[in-house]
Amino acid sequence: MQLVVFAVVLILPSFLSGESSSHITAARNECEVYIQEGGDRECTRLGSEFVRFDSDTCTVKCKNRKGKTFTDDVCSRGEVNCTSDVAAKLKTWAFSK
């Protein structure tokens, strides 16, 4: 019983603060976290599910083949340039809906 109470005490604050655990995926930097969270929200808004982020085309891909393509300042040569400006832009996109 004490273990259950302990687990609830540890987990409850994250739910109350609105944090999501929709994907258990490794992220190398904060931009990848924002892309995953924003991808979930974007694809849900489009009536689908987030599949992946294609860095070659700088596009969030959904199951229904829709998605969101970012501008060139987010990606370059097949990689996300995770500067503080790009992270701020992705964070705003991910959590503004």
PDB file of N, CA and C in Angstrom:
ATOM      1  N   MET A   1       0.827  -1.190   0.000  1.00  0.00           N
ATOM      2  CA  MET A   1       0.000   0.000   0.000  1.00  0.00           C
ATOM      3  C   MET A   1       0.870   1.252   0.000  1.00  0.00           C
ATOM      4  N   GLN A   2       1.931   1.235   0.788  1.00  0.00           N
ATOM      5  CA  GLN A   2       2.819   2.390   0.831  1.00  0.00           C
ATOM      6  C   GLN A   2       3.484   2.624  -0.518  1.00  0.00           C
ATOM      7  N   LEU A   3       3.789   1.546  -1.222  1.00  0.00           N
ATOM      8  CA  LEU A   3       4.402   1.665  -2.543  1.00  0.00           C
ATOM      9  C   LEU A   3       3.455   2.344  -3.525  1.00  0.00           C
ATOM     10  N   VAL A   4       2.175   2.009  -3.474  1.00  0.00           N
ATOM     11  CA  VAL A   4       1.178   2.625  -4.351  1.00  0.00           C
ATOM     12  C   VAL A   4       1.068   4.114  -4.059  1.00  0.00           C
ATOM     13  N   VAL A   5       0.992   4.471  -2.806  1.00  0.00           N
ATOM     14  CA  VAL A   5       0.911   5.884  -2.420  1.00  0.00           C
ATOM     15  C   VAL A   5       2.165   6.625  -2.874  1.00  0.00           C
ATOM     16  N   PHE A   6       3.319   6.019  -2.700  1.00  0.00           N
ATOM     17  CA  PHE A   6       4.575   6.621  -3.125  1.00  0.00           C
ATOM     18  C   PHE A   6       4.575   6.866  -4.634  1.00  0.00           C
ATOM     19  N   ALA A   7       4.122   5.881  -5.413  1.00  0.00           N
ATOM     20  CA  ALA A   7       4.072   6.019  -6.870  1.00  0.00           C
ATOM     21  C   ALA A   7       3.122   7.136  -7.281  1.00  0.00           C
ATOM     22  N   VAL A   8       1.972   7.217  -6.653  1.00  0.00           N
ATOM     23  CA  VAL A   8       1.001   8.271  -6.966  1.00  0.00           C
ATOM     24  C   VAL A   8       1.588   9.640  -6.648  1.00  0.00           C
ATOM     25  N   VAL A   9       2.270   9.755  -5.531  1.00  0.00           N
ATOM     26  CA  VAL A   9       2.888  11.029  -5.143  1.00  0.00           C
ATOM     27  C   VAL A   9       3.934  11.451  -6.170  1.00  0.00           C
ATOM     28  N   LEU A  10       4.659  10.511  -6.732  1.00  0.00           N
ATOM     29  CA  LEU A  10       5.670  10.831  -7.735  1.00  0.00           C
ATOM     30  C   LEU A  10       5.067  11.180  -9.089  1.00  0.00           C
ATOM     31  N   ILE A  11       4.004  10.508  -9.487  1.00  0.00           N
ATOM     32  CA  ILE A  11       3.438  10.666 -10.825  1.00  0.00           C
ATOM     33  C   ILE A  11       2.410  11.783 -10.904  1.00  0.00           C
ATOM     34  N   LEU A  12       1.628  11.984  -9.886  1.00  0.00           N
ATOM     35  CA  LEU A  12       0.533  12.947  -9.917  1.00  0.00           C
ATOM     36  C   LEU A  12       0.946  14.363 -10.321  1.00  0.00           C
ATOM     37  N   PRO A  13       2.037  14.915  -9.824  1.00  0.00           N
ATOM     38  CA  PRO A  13       2.387  16.291 -10.211  1.00  0.00           C
ATOM     39  C   PRO A  13       2.580  16.483 -11.712  1.00  0.00           C
ATOM     40  N   SER A  14       3.117  15.489 -12.414  1.00  0.00           N
ATOM     41  CA  SER A  14       3.312  15.644 -13.855  1.00  0.00           C
ATOM     42  C   SER A  14       1.983  15.690 -14.594  1.00  0.00           C
ATOM     43  N   PHE A  15       0.995  14.926 -14.140  1.00  0.00           N
ATOM     44  CA  PHE A  15      -0.322  14.981 -14.767  1.00  0.00           C
ATOM     45  C   PHE A  15      -1.010  16.306 -14.479  1.00  0.00           C
ATOM     46  N   LEU A  16      -0.867  16.792 -13.274  1.00  0.00           N
ATOM     47  CA  LEU A  16      -1.500  18.052 -12.901  1.00  0.00           C
ATOM     48  C   LEU A  16      -0.894  19.235 -13.636  1.00  0.00           C
ATOM     49  N   SER A  17       0.374  19.144 -14.012  1.00  0.00           N
ATOM     50  CA  SER A  17       1.019  20.248 -14.718  1.00  0.00           C
ATOM     51  C   SER A  17       0.799  20.177 -16.221  1.00  0.00           C
ATOM     52  N   GLY A  18       0.096  19.155 -16.694  1.00  0.00           N
ATOM     53  CA  GLY A  18      -0.227  19.054 -18.115  1.00  0.00           C
ATOM     54  C   GLY A  18       0.833  18.390 -18.953  1.00  0.00           C
ATOM     55  N   GLU A  19       1.805  17.762 -18.334  1.00  0.00           N
ATOM     56  CA  GLU A  19       2.828  17.078 -19.101  1.00  0.00           C
ATOM     57  C   GLU A  19       2.231  15.859 -19.779  1.00  0.00           C
ATOM     58  N   SER A  20       2.786  15.514 -20.915  1.00  0.00           N
ATOM     59  CA  SER A  20       2.259  14.408 -21.703  1.00  0.00           C
ATOM     60  C   SER A  20       3.266  13.274 -21.750  1.00  0.00           C
ATOM     61  N   SER A  21       2.756  12.068 -21.833  1.00  0.00           N
ATOM     62  CA  SER A  21       3.625  10.909 -22.030  1.00  0.00           C
ATOM     63  C   SER A  21       3.125  10.122 -23.226  1.00  0.00           C
ATOM     64  N   SER A  22       2.736  10.844 -24.267  1.00  0.00           N
ATOM     65  CA  SER A  22       2.133  10.203 -25.425  1.00  0.00           C
ATOM     66  C   SER A  22       3.122   9.333 -26.187  1.00  0.00           C
ATOM     67  N   HIS A  23       4.404   9.678 -26.119  1.00  0.00           N
ATOM     68  CA  HIS A  23       5.426   8.880 -26.788  1.00  0.00           C
ATOM     69  C   HIS A  23       6.552   8.606 -25.811  1.00  0.00           C
ATOM     70  N   ILE A  24       6.972   7.387 -25.761  1.00  0.00           N
ATOM     71  CA  ILE A  24       8.153   7.049 -24.986  1.00  0.00           C
ATOM     72  C   ILE A  24       9.255   6.872 -26.020  1.00  0.00           C
ATOM     73  N   THR A  25       9.865   7.976 -26.391  1.00  0.00           N
ATOM     74  CA  THR A  25      10.860   7.981 -27.448  1.00  0.00           C
ATOM     75  C   THR A  25      12.070   8.772 -26.968  1.00  0.00           C
ATOM     76  N   ALA A  26      13.237   8.321 -27.322  1.00  0.00           N
ATOM     77  CA  ALA A  26      14.441   9.040 -26.940  1.00  0.00           C
ATOM     78  C   ALA A  26      14.564  10.316 -27.757  1.00  0.00           C
ATOM     79  N   ALA A  27      14.867  11.391 -27.092  1.00  0.00           N
ATOM     80  CA  ALA A  27      15.097  12.666 -27.758  1.00  0.00           C
ATOM     81  C   ALA A  27      16.502  13.129 -27.400  1.00  0.00           C
ATOM     82  N   ARG A  28      17.242  13.549 -28.405  1.00  0.00           N
ATOM     83  CA  ARG A  28      18.622  13.968 -28.180  1.00  0.00           C
ATOM     84  C   ARG A  28      18.733  15.407 -27.709  1.00  0.00           C
ATOM     85  N   ASN A  29      17.694  16.205 -27.983  1.00  0.00           N
ATOM     86  CA  ASN A  29      17.738  17.607 -27.576  1.00  0.00           C
ATOM     87  C   ASN A  29      16.314  18.125 -27.419  1.00  0.00           C
ATOM     88  N   GLU A  30      16.184  19.350 -26.940  1.00  0.00           N
ATOM     89  CA  GLU A  30      14.855  19.888 -26.675  1.00  0.00           C
ATOM     90  C   GLU A  30      14.039  20.071 -27.947  1.00  0.00           C
ATOM     91  N   CYS A  31      14.678  20.320 -29.080  1.00  0.00           N
ATOM     92  CA  CYS A  31      13.939  20.474 -30.333  1.00  0.00           C
ATOM     93  C   CYS A  31      13.199  19.186 -30.689  1.00  0.00           C
ATOM     94  N   GLU A  32      13.849  18.051 -30.480  1.00  0.00           N
ATOM     95  CA  GLU A  32      13.201  16.774 -30.774  1.00  0.00           C
ATOM     96  C   GLU A  32      11.999  16.541 -29.866  1.00  0.00           C
ATOM     97  N   VAL A  33      12.089  16.980 -28.628  1.00  0.00           N
ATOM     98  CA  VAL A  33      10.951  16.862 -27.711  1.00  0.00           C
ATOM     99  C   VAL A  33       9.787  17.691 -28.239  1.00  0.00           C
ATOM    100  N   TYR A  34      10.061  18.931 -28.652  1.00  0.00           N
ATOM    101  CA  TYR A  34       9.009  19.807 -29.169  1.00  0.00           C
ATOM    102  C   TYR A  34       8.424  19.269 -30.470  1.00  0.00           C
ATOM    103  N   ILE A  35       9.254  18.675 -31.315  1.00  0.00           N
ATOM    104  CA  ILE A  35       8.762  18.096 -32.572  1.00  0.00           C
ATOM    105  C   ILE A  35       7.836  16.919 -32.277  1.00  0.00           C
ATOM    106  N   GLN A  36       8.194  16.074 -31.320  1.00  0.00           N
ATOM    107  CA  GLN A  36       7.344  14.931 -30.974  1.00  0.00           C
ATOM    108  C   GLN A  36       6.025  15.391 -30.367  1.00  0.00           C
ATOM    109  N   GLU A  37       6.095  16.310 -29.411  1.00  0.00           N
ATOM    110  CA  GLU A  37       4.866  16.818 -28.777  1.00  0.00           C
ATOM    111  C   GLU A  37       4.005  17.568 -29.787  1.00  0.00           C
ATOM    112  N   GLY A  38       4.634  18.452 -30.547  1.00  0.00           N
ATOM    113  CA  GLY A  38       3.895  19.210 -31.557  1.00  0.00           C
ATOM    114  C   GLY A  38       3.357  18.319 -32.656  1.00  0.00           C
ATOM    115  N   GLY A  39       4.126  17.283 -33.015  1.00  0.00           N
ATOM    116  CA  GLY A  39       3.669  16.333 -34.022  1.00  0.00           C
ATOM    117  C   GLY A  39       2.424  15.597 -33.576  1.00  0.00           C
ATOM    118  N   ASP A  40       2.396  15.209 -32.310  1.00  0.00           N
ATOM    119  CA  ASP A  40       1.196  14.572 -31.756  1.00  0.00           C
ATOM    120  C   ASP A  40      -0.008  15.496 -31.876  1.00  0.00           C
ATOM    121  N   ARG A  41       0.181  16.733 -31.462  1.00  0.00           N
ATOM    122  CA  ARG A  41      -0.928  17.696 -31.491  1.00  0.00           C
ATOM    123  C   ARG A  41      -1.350  18.023 -32.921  1.00  0.00           C
ATOM    124  N   GLU A  42      -0.377  18.240 -33.796  1.00  0.00           N
ATOM    125  CA  GLU A  42      -0.676  18.590 -35.191  1.00  0.00           C
ATOM    126  C   GLU A  42      -1.436  17.463 -35.880  1.00  0.00           C
ATOM    127  N   CYS A  43      -0.960  16.241 -35.729  1.00  0.00           N
ATOM    128  CA  CYS A  43      -1.610  15.109 -36.390  1.00  0.00           C
ATOM    129  C   CYS A  43      -2.996  14.841 -35.808  1.00  0.00           C
ATOM    130  N   THR A  44      -3.157  15.011 -34.509  1.00  0.00           N
ATOM    131  CA  THR A  44      -4.484  14.878 -33.907  1.00  0.00           C
ATOM    132  C   THR A  44      -5.423  15.923 -34.486  1.00  0.00           C
ATOM    133  N   ARG A  45      -4.927  17.150 -34.623  1.00  0.00           N
ATOM    134  CA  ARG A  45      -5.722  18.231 -35.213  1.00  0.00           C
ATOM    135  C   ARG A  45      -6.128  17.895 -36.650  1.00  0.00           C
ATOM    136  N   LEU A  46      -5.267  17.160 -37.352  1.00  0.00           N
ATOM    137  CA  LEU A  46      -5.534  16.761 -38.733  1.00  0.00           C
ATOM    138  C   LEU A  46      -6.298  15.440 -38.819  1.00  0.00           C
ATOM    139  N   GLY A  47      -6.766  14.929 -37.687  1.00  0.00           N
ATOM    140  CA  GLY A  47      -7.548  13.700 -37.655  1.00  0.00           C
ATOM    141  C   GLY A  47      -6.732  12.444 -37.845  1.00  0.00           C
ATOM    142  N   SER A  48      -5.498  12.459 -37.382  1.00  0.00           N
ATOM    143  CA  SER A  48      -4.621  11.318 -37.589  1.00  0.00           C
ATOM    144  C   SER A  48      -3.712  11.124 -36.379  1.00  0.00           C
ATOM    145  N   GLU A  49      -2.642  10.351 -36.577  1.00  0.00           N
ATOM    146  CA  GLU A  49      -1.659  10.085 -35.534  1.00  0.00           C
ATOM    147  C   GLU A  49      -0.271  10.415 -36.058  1.00  0.00           C
ATOM    148  N   PHE A  50       0.577  10.902 -35.162  1.00  0.00           N
ATOM    149  CA  PHE A  50       1.968  11.213 -35.494  1.00  0.00           C
ATOM    150  C   PHE A  50       2.713   9.925 -35.808  1.00  0.00           C
ATOM    151  N   VAL A  51       3.446   9.923 -36.922  1.00  0.00           N
ATOM    152  CA  VAL A  51       4.246   8.763 -37.304  1.00  0.00           C
ATOM    153  C   VAL A  51       5.726   9.032 -37.047  1.00  0.00           C
ATOM    154  N   ARG A  52       6.229  10.133 -37.621  1.00  0.00           N
ATOM    155  CA  ARG A  52       7.655  10.443 -37.469  1.00  0.00           C
ATOM    156  C   ARG A  52       7.943  11.844 -37.981  1.00  0.00           C
ATOM    157  N   PHE A  53       9.158  12.275 -37.798  1.00  0.00           N
ATOM    158  CA  PHE A  53       9.632  13.533 -38.353  1.00  0.00           C
ATOM    159  C   PHE A  53      10.653  13.206 -39.419  1.00  0.00           C
ATOM    160  N   ASP A  54      10.436  13.694 -40.635  1.00  0.00           N
ATOM    161  CA  ASP A  54      11.355  13.483 -41.750  1.00  0.00           C
ATOM    162  C   ASP A  54      12.274  14.694 -41.831  1.00  0.00           C
ATOM    163  N   SER A  55      13.507  14.539 -41.380  1.00  0.00           N
ATOM    164  CA  SER A  55      14.429  15.675 -41.361  1.00  0.00           C
ATOM    165  C   SER A  55      14.899  16.064 -42.761  1.00  0.00           C
ATOM    166  N   ASP A  56      14.858  15.129 -43.717  1.00  0.00           N
ATOM    167  CA  ASP A  56      15.254  15.467 -45.091  1.00  0.00           C
ATOM    168  C   ASP A  56      14.319  16.499 -45.704  1.00  0.00           C
ATOM    169  N   THR A  57      13.017  16.357 -45.430  1.00  0.00           N
ATOM    170  CA  THR A  57      12.040  17.314 -45.959  1.00  0.00           C
ATOM    171  C   THR A  57      11.573  18.294 -44.889  1.00  0.00           C
ATOM    172  N   CYS A  58      12.078  18.141 -43.667  1.00  0.00           N
ATOM    173  CA  CYS A  58      11.735  18.994 -42.522  1.00  0.00           C
ATOM    174  C   CYS A  58      10.226  18.985 -42.283  1.00  0.00           C
ATOM    175  N   THR A  59       9.646  17.769 -42.287  1.00  0.00           N
ATOM    176  CA  THR A  59       8.194  17.612 -42.227  1.00  0.00           C
ATOM    177  C   THR A  59       7.776  16.630 -41.142  1.00  0.00           C
ATOM    178  N   VAL A  60       6.757  17.019 -40.375  1.00  0.00           N
ATOM    179  CA  VAL A  60       6.082  16.113 -39.449  1.00  0.00           C
ATOM    180  C   VAL A  60       5.155  15.249 -40.294  1.00  0.00           C
ATOM    181  N   LYS A  61       5.256  13.933 -40.165  1.00  0.00           N
ATOM    182  CA  LYS A  61       4.448  13.002 -40.956  1.00  0.00           C
ATOM    183  C   LYS A  61       3.361  12.368 -40.087  1.00  0.00           C
ATOM    184  N   CYS A  62       2.137  12.352 -40.617  1.00  0.00           N
ATOM    185  CA  CYS A  62       1.001  11.728 -39.937  1.00  0.00           C
ATOM    186  C   CYS A  62       0.588  10.466 -40.697  1.00  0.00           C
ATOM    187  N   LYS A  63      -0.174   9.589 -40.036  1.00  0.00           N
ATOM    188  CA  LYS A  63      -0.635   8.345 -40.667  1.00  0.00           C
ATOM    189  C   LYS A  63      -1.470   8.600 -41.918  1.00  0.00           C
ATOM    190  N   ASN A  64      -2.245   9.698 -41.928  1.00  0.00           N
ATOM    191  CA  ASN A  64      -3.100   9.985 -43.076  1.00  0.00           C
ATOM    192  C   ASN A  64      -2.356  10.734 -44.182  1.00  0.00           C
ATOM    193  N   ARG A  65      -1.029  10.726 -44.109  1.00  0.00           N
ATOM    194  CA  ARG A  65      -0.138  11.342 -45.093  1.00  0.00           C
ATOM    195  C   ARG A  65      -0.202  12.864 -45.121  1.00  0.00           C
ATOM    196  N   LYS A  66      -0.822  13.443 -44.121  1.00  0.00           N
ATOM    197  CA  LYS A  66      -0.788  14.893 -43.978  1.00  0.00           C
ATOM    198  C   LYS A  66       0.343  15.219 -43.019  1.00  0.00           C
ATOM    199  N   GLY A  67       0.576  16.494 -42.816  1.00  0.00           N
ATOM    200  CA  GLY A  67       1.627  16.869 -41.889  1.00  0.00           C
ATOM    201  C   GLY A  67       1.917  18.347 -41.916  1.00  0.00           C
ATOM    202  N   LYS A  68       3.057  18.708 -41.372  1.00  0.00           N
ATOM    203  CA  LYS A  68       3.487  20.105 -41.297  1.00  0.00           C
ATOM    204  C   LYS A  68       4.927  20.184 -41.740  1.00  0.00           C
ATOM    205  N   THR A  69       5.186  21.062 -42.703  1.00  0.00           N
ATOM    206  CA  THR A  69       6.547  21.292 -43.170  1.00  0.00           C
ATOM    207  C   THR A  69       7.051  22.603 -42.579  1.00  0.00           C
ATOM    208  N   PHE A  70       8.238  22.564 -42.026  1.00  0.00           N
ATOM    209  CA  PHE A  70       8.842  23.747 -41.431  1.00  0.00           C
ATOM    210  C   PHE A  70       9.681  24.499 -42.458  1.00  0.00           C
ATOM    211  N   THR A  71       9.979  25.733 -42.143  1.00  0.00           N
ATOM    212  CA  THR A  71      10.787  26.569 -43.024  1.00  0.00           C
ATOM    213  C   THR A  71      12.257  26.162 -42.945  1.00  0.00           C
ATOM    214  N   ASP A  72      13.046  26.677 -43.867  1.00  0.00           N
ATOM    215  CA  ASP A  72      14.464  26.320 -43.957  1.00  0.00           C
ATOM    216  C   ASP A  72      15.281  26.717 -42.733  1.00  0.00           C
ATOM    217  N   ASP A  73      14.798  27.657 -41.941  1.00  0.00           N
ATOM    218  CA  ASP A  73      15.573  28.047 -40.763  1.00  0.00           C
ATOM    219  C   ASP A  73      15.521  26.994 -39.651  1.00  0.00           C
ATOM    220  N   VAL A  74      14.620  26.024 -39.770  1.00  0.00           N
ATOM    221  CA  VAL A  74      14.535  24.941 -38.780  1.00  0.00           C
ATOM    222  C   VAL A  74      15.469  23.795 -39.159  1.00  0.00           C
ATOM    223  N   CYS A  75      15.506  23.431 -40.432  1.00  0.00           N
ATOM    224  CA  CYS A  75      16.340  22.319 -40.896  1.00  0.00           C
ATOM    225  C   CYS A  75      17.364  22.797 -41.926  1.00  0.00           C
ATOM    226  N   SER A  76      18.485  22.105 -41.950  1.00  0.00           N
ATOM    227  CA  SER A  76      19.511  22.371 -42.944  1.00  0.00           C
ATOM    228  C   SER A  76      20.278  21.081 -43.193  1.00  0.00           C
ATOM    229  N   ARG A  77      20.418  20.718 -44.443  1.00  0.00           N
ATOM    230  CA  ARG A  77      21.148  19.503 -44.835  1.00  0.00           C
ATOM    231  C   ARG A  77      20.654  18.254 -44.110  1.00  0.00           C
ATOM    232  N   GLY A  78      19.343  18.146 -43.963  1.00  0.00           N
ATOM    233  CA  GLY A  78      18.761  16.953 -43.366  1.00  0.00           C
ATOM    234  C   GLY A  78      18.837  16.879 -41.856  1.00  0.00           C
ATOM    235  N   GLU A  79      19.133  17.987 -41.199  1.00  0.00           N
ATOM    236  CA  GLU A  79      19.209  18.005 -39.742  1.00  0.00           C
ATOM    237  C   GLU A  79      18.495  19.226 -39.188  1.00  0.00           C
ATOM    238  N   VAL A  80      17.959  19.077 -37.983  1.00  0.00           N
ATOM    239  CA  VAL A  80      17.351  20.205 -37.279  1.00  0.00           C
ATOM    240  C   VAL A  80      18.474  20.994 -36.621  1.00  0.00           C
ATOM    241  N   ASN A  81      18.510  22.301 -36.899  1.00  0.00           N
ATOM    242  CA  ASN A  81      19.490  23.187 -36.268  1.00  0.00           C
ATOM    243  C   ASN A  81      18.908  23.658 -34.942  1.00  0.00           C
ATOM    244  N   CYS A  82      19.188  22.961 -33.861  1.00  0.00           N
ATOM    245  CA  CYS A  82      18.541  23.245 -32.581  1.00  0.00           C
ATOM    246  C   CYS A  82      19.224  24.394 -31.840  1.00  0.00           C
ATOM    247  N   THR A  83      19.131  25.587 -32.422  1.00  0.00           N
ATOM    248  CA  THR A  83      19.603  26.792 -31.748  1.00  0.00           C
ATOM    249  C   THR A  83      18.526  27.234 -30.762  1.00  0.00           C
ATOM    250  N   SER A  84      18.825  28.214 -29.953  1.00  0.00           N
ATOM    251  CA  SER A  84      17.819  28.703 -29.005  1.00  0.00           C
ATOM    252  C   SER A  84      16.625  29.314 -29.733  1.00  0.00           C
ATOM    253  N   ASP A  85      16.866  29.969 -30.883  1.00  0.00           N
ATOM    254  CA  ASP A  85      15.765  30.545 -31.668  1.00  0.00           C
ATOM    255  C   ASP A  85      14.867  29.460 -32.253  1.00  0.00           C
ATOM    256  N   VAL A  86      15.479  28.409 -32.791  1.00  0.00           N
ATOM    257  CA  VAL A  86      14.702  27.302 -33.364  1.00  0.00           C
ATOM    258  C   VAL A  86      13.930  26.586 -32.260  1.00  0.00           C
ATOM    259  N   ALA A  87      14.565  26.355 -31.126  1.00  0.00           N
ATOM    260  CA  ALA A  87      13.880  25.700 -30.003  1.00  0.00           C
ATOM    261  C   ALA A  87      12.682  26.526 -29.555  1.00  0.00           C
ATOM    262  N   ALA A  88      12.840  27.844 -29.493  1.00  0.00           N
ATOM    263  CA  ALA A  88      11.726  28.714 -29.093  1.00  0.00           C
ATOM    264  C   ALA A  88      10.593  28.654 -30.109  1.00  0.00           C
ATOM    265  N   LYS A  89      10.934  28.640 -31.391  1.00  0.00           N
ATOM    266  CA  LYS A  89       9.916  28.556 -32.447  1.00  0.00           C
ATOM    267  C   LYS A  89       9.161  27.229 -32.364  1.00  0.00           C
ATOM    268  N   LEU A  90       9.888  26.124 -32.185  1.00  0.00           N
ATOM    269  CA  LEU A  90       9.253  24.807 -32.087  1.00  0.00           C
ATOM    270  C   LEU A  90       8.411  24.686 -30.822  1.00  0.00           C
ATOM    271  N   LYS A  91       8.890  25.250 -29.725  1.00  0.00           N
ATOM    272  CA  LYS A  91       8.134  25.206 -28.471  1.00  0.00           C
ATOM    273  C   LYS A  91       6.815  25.960 -28.618  1.00  0.00           C
ATOM    274  N   THR A  92       6.864  27.130 -29.230  1.00  0.00           N
ATOM    275  CA  THR A  92       5.643  27.911 -29.458  1.00  0.00           C
ATOM    276  C   THR A  92       4.668  27.131 -30.322  1.00  0.00           C
ATOM    277  N   TRP A  93       5.179  26.518 -31.398  1.00  0.00           N
ATOM    278  CA  TRP A  93       4.320  25.718 -32.283  1.00  0.00           C
ATOM    279  C   TRP A  93       3.733  24.524 -31.536  1.00  0.00           C
ATOM    280  N   ALA A  94       4.558  23.827 -30.771  1.00  0.00           N
ATOM    281  CA  ALA A  94       4.124  22.594 -30.103  1.00  0.00           C
ATOM    282  C   ALA A  94       3.056  22.833 -29.049  1.00  0.00           C
ATOM    283  N   PHE A  95       3.119  23.960 -28.355  1.00  0.00           N
ATOM    284  CA  PHE A  95       2.229  24.165 -27.216  1.00  0.00           C
ATOM    285  C   PHE A  95       1.231  25.302 -27.394  1.00  0.00           C
ATOM    286  N   SER A  96       1.122  25.857 -28.597  1.00  0.00           N
ATOM    287  CA  SER A  96       0.205  26.985 -28.805  1.00  0.00           C
ATOM    288  C   SER A  96      -1.190  26.563 -29.229  1.00  0.00           C
ATOM    289  N   LYS A  97      -1.399  25.304 -29.503  1.00  0.00           N
ATOM    290  CA  LYS A  97      -2.699  24.863 -30.008  1.00  0.00           C
ATOM    291  C   LYS A  97      -3.619  24.497 -28.877  1.00  0.00           C
TER     292      LYS A  97
END
